[in-house]
Amino acid sequence: MQYKSAKANPSDQKDQRKGLRHGMTHAEVVLWQALKNRGVGGYKFRRQQGIGPYILDFYCPKLRLCVELDGSSHDCKYDYDVQRTMYLNNQGIRVMRFDNEQVISCLEGVIADILRFGEEIKIQTSTP
């Protein structure tokens, strides 16, 4: 299915998004505990957000930022991930990627990277 512009949470993905929320990896659960309830920089994040034909692990609408966690399932999906990132970039959405192991072993560093990225976006969008 092709979309001319990003449609948020297409209805045909509803069951898949729900399944992904209920089947989150350990790293996704750990990161979600930090992100939810505006826990990182006061930014509102959504989990398993549909954008066009893709489902994003975490999405901050204010920053137009997608945070993706890559585990072993992404080892053979490099081309798919590149295509997906290009699609999201064309929609004005920036993508940050972290390995599951990074989240588990250094959550503070991941959060610091997200905050730094958020500040860079704020600076870029406020500069005339």
Protein backbone atom coordinates (compact mmCIF):
# COMPACT_ATOMS: atom_id res chain seq x y z
CA MET A 1 0.00 0.00 0.00
CA GLN A 2 1.42 3.40 -1.02
CA TYR A 3 0.63 6.73 0.60
CA LYS A 4 1.28 10.14 -0.98
CA SER A 5 1.74 11.64 2.46
CA ALA A 6 2.10 10.11 5.86
CA LYS A 7 -1.23 8.98 7.22
CA ALA A 8 -1.07 8.50 10.97
CA ASN A 9 -2.26 5.18 12.36
CA PRO A 10 -3.95 3.72 9.28
CA SER A 11 -6.88 1.55 10.36
CA ASP A 12 -5.53 -1.48 8.51
CA GLN A 13 -2.56 -1.53 10.95
CA LYS A 14 -4.62 -1.39 14.14
CA ASP A 15 -4.30 -5.07 15.07
CA GLN A 16 -0.60 -5.12 14.19
CA ARG A 17 0.12 -2.01 16.31
CA LYS A 18 -1.80 -3.52 19.22
CA GLY A 19 0.13 -6.78 18.89
CA LEU A 20 3.44 -4.94 18.86
CA ARG A 21 2.51 -2.98 22.00
CA HIS A 22 1.64 -6.21 23.81
CA GLY A 23 4.74 -8.02 22.52
CA MET A 24 7.38 -5.37 23.20
CA THR A 25 10.98 -6.52 23.61
CA HIS A 26 12.70 -6.05 26.95
CA ALA A 27 14.65 -3.09 25.54
CA GLU A 28 11.44 -1.47 24.26
CA VAL A 29 9.83 -1.86 27.69
CA VAL A 30 12.87 -0.29 29.39
CA LEU A 31 12.94 2.67 27.01
CA TRP A 32 9.14 3.11 27.16
CA GLN A 33 9.34 3.33 30.97
CA ALA A 34 11.68 6.31 30.52
CA LEU A 35 9.80 7.98 27.64
CA LYS A 36 6.18 7.66 28.79
CA ASN A 37 4.38 10.41 30.67
CA ARG A 38 6.72 13.05 29.21
CA GLY A 39 9.60 11.50 31.15
CA VAL A 40 12.31 12.69 28.76
CA GLY A 41 12.60 16.45 28.41
CA GLY A 42 8.86 16.89 28.81
CA TYR A 43 8.34 15.53 25.29
CA LYS A 44 5.26 13.42 24.55
CA PHE A 45 6.20 10.11 22.94
CA ARG A 46 3.85 7.53 21.45
CA ARG A 47 4.71 3.87 21.06
CA GLN A 48 3.96 1.80 17.98
CA GLN A 49 2.81 4.85 16.00
CA GLY A 50 1.69 4.19 12.45
CA ILE A 51 3.03 6.62 9.84
CA GLY A 52 2.01 5.74 6.31
CA PRO A 53 2.91 2.11 5.62
CA TYR A 54 5.28 1.85 8.62
CA ILE A 55 4.92 1.36 12.36
CA LEU A 56 7.45 3.30 14.42
CA ASP A 57 8.73 2.00 17.76
CA PHE A 58 8.48 5.44 19.39
CA TYR A 59 7.42 8.78 17.94
CA CYS A 60 7.46 12.34 19.27
CA PRO A 61 5.08 14.49 17.18
CA LYS A 62 6.41 17.81 18.51
CA LEU A 63 9.96 17.01 17.42
CA ARG A 64 8.86 14.88 14.45
CA LEU A 65 11.33 12.35 15.82
CA CYS A 66 11.21 8.58 15.43
CA VAL A 67 13.24 6.45 17.86
CA GLU A 68 13.86 2.92 16.60
CA LEU A 69 15.37 0.02 18.51
CA ASP A 70 17.24 -2.58 16.51
CA GLY A 71 17.68 -6.12 17.72
CA SER A 72 18.64 -9.31 15.98
CA SER A 73 15.55 -9.09 13.74
CA HIS A 74 17.14 -6.11 11.98
CA ASP A 75 20.36 -7.94 11.08
CA CYS A 76 19.05 -8.92 7.65
CA LYS A 77 16.84 -5.87 7.06
CA TYR A 78 19.40 -3.20 6.18
CA ASP A 79 17.82 -2.32 2.81
CA TYR A 80 14.34 -2.23 4.34
CA ASP A 81 15.56 0.06 7.15
CA VAL A 82 17.23 2.41 4.65
CA GLN A 83 14.06 2.58 2.53
CA ARG A 84 11.95 3.18 5.64
CA THR A 85 14.25 5.94 6.91
CA MET A 86 14.19 7.64 3.51
CA TYR A 87 10.39 7.53 3.49
CA LEU A 88 10.20 9.03 6.98
CA ASN A 89 12.79 11.70 6.16
CA ASN A 90 10.72 12.65 3.11
CA GLN A 91 7.79 13.11 5.50
CA GLY A 92 9.91 15.48 7.62
CA ILE A 93 10.49 12.88 10.35
CA ARG A 94 13.99 12.39 11.70
CA VAL A 95 15.05 8.88 12.73
CA MET A 96 17.34 7.86 15.60
CA ARG A 97 18.40 4.23 15.91
CA PHE A 98 19.75 2.41 18.92
CA ASP A 99 20.68 -1.23 19.44
CA ASN A 100 18.66 -3.08 22.06
CA GLU A 101 21.91 -3.68 23.93
CA GLN A 102 22.58 0.09 24.13
CA VAL A 103 19.24 0.61 25.86
CA ILE A 104 19.83 -2.23 28.31
CA SER A 105 23.45 -1.40 29.15
CA CYS A 106 23.42 2.41 28.92
CA LEU A 107 19.90 3.82 29.15
CA GLU A 108 21.23 7.15 30.46
CA GLY A 109 23.36 7.58 27.35
CA VAL A 110 20.41 6.81 25.06
CA ILE A 111 18.25 9.34 26.88
CA ALA A 112 21.04 11.92 26.73
CA ASP A 113 21.29 11.37 22.95
CA ILE A 114 17.53 11.81 22.54
CA LEU A 115 17.59 15.01 24.62
CA ARG A 116 20.56 16.37 22.68
CA PHE A 117 18.79 15.61 19.41
CA GLY A 118 15.64 17.31 20.70
CA GLU A 119 17.60 20.42 21.59
CA GLU A 120 19.24 20.47 18.14
CA ILE A 121 15.81 20.26 16.51
CA LYS A 122 14.50 23.09 18.68
CA ILE A 123 17.49 25.27 17.72
CA GLN A 124 17.11 24.49 14.01
CA THR A 125 13.41 25.23 13.97
CA SER A 126 13.70 28.46 15.96
CA THR A 127 16.49 29.96 13.83
CA PRO A 128 15.11 32.33 11.15
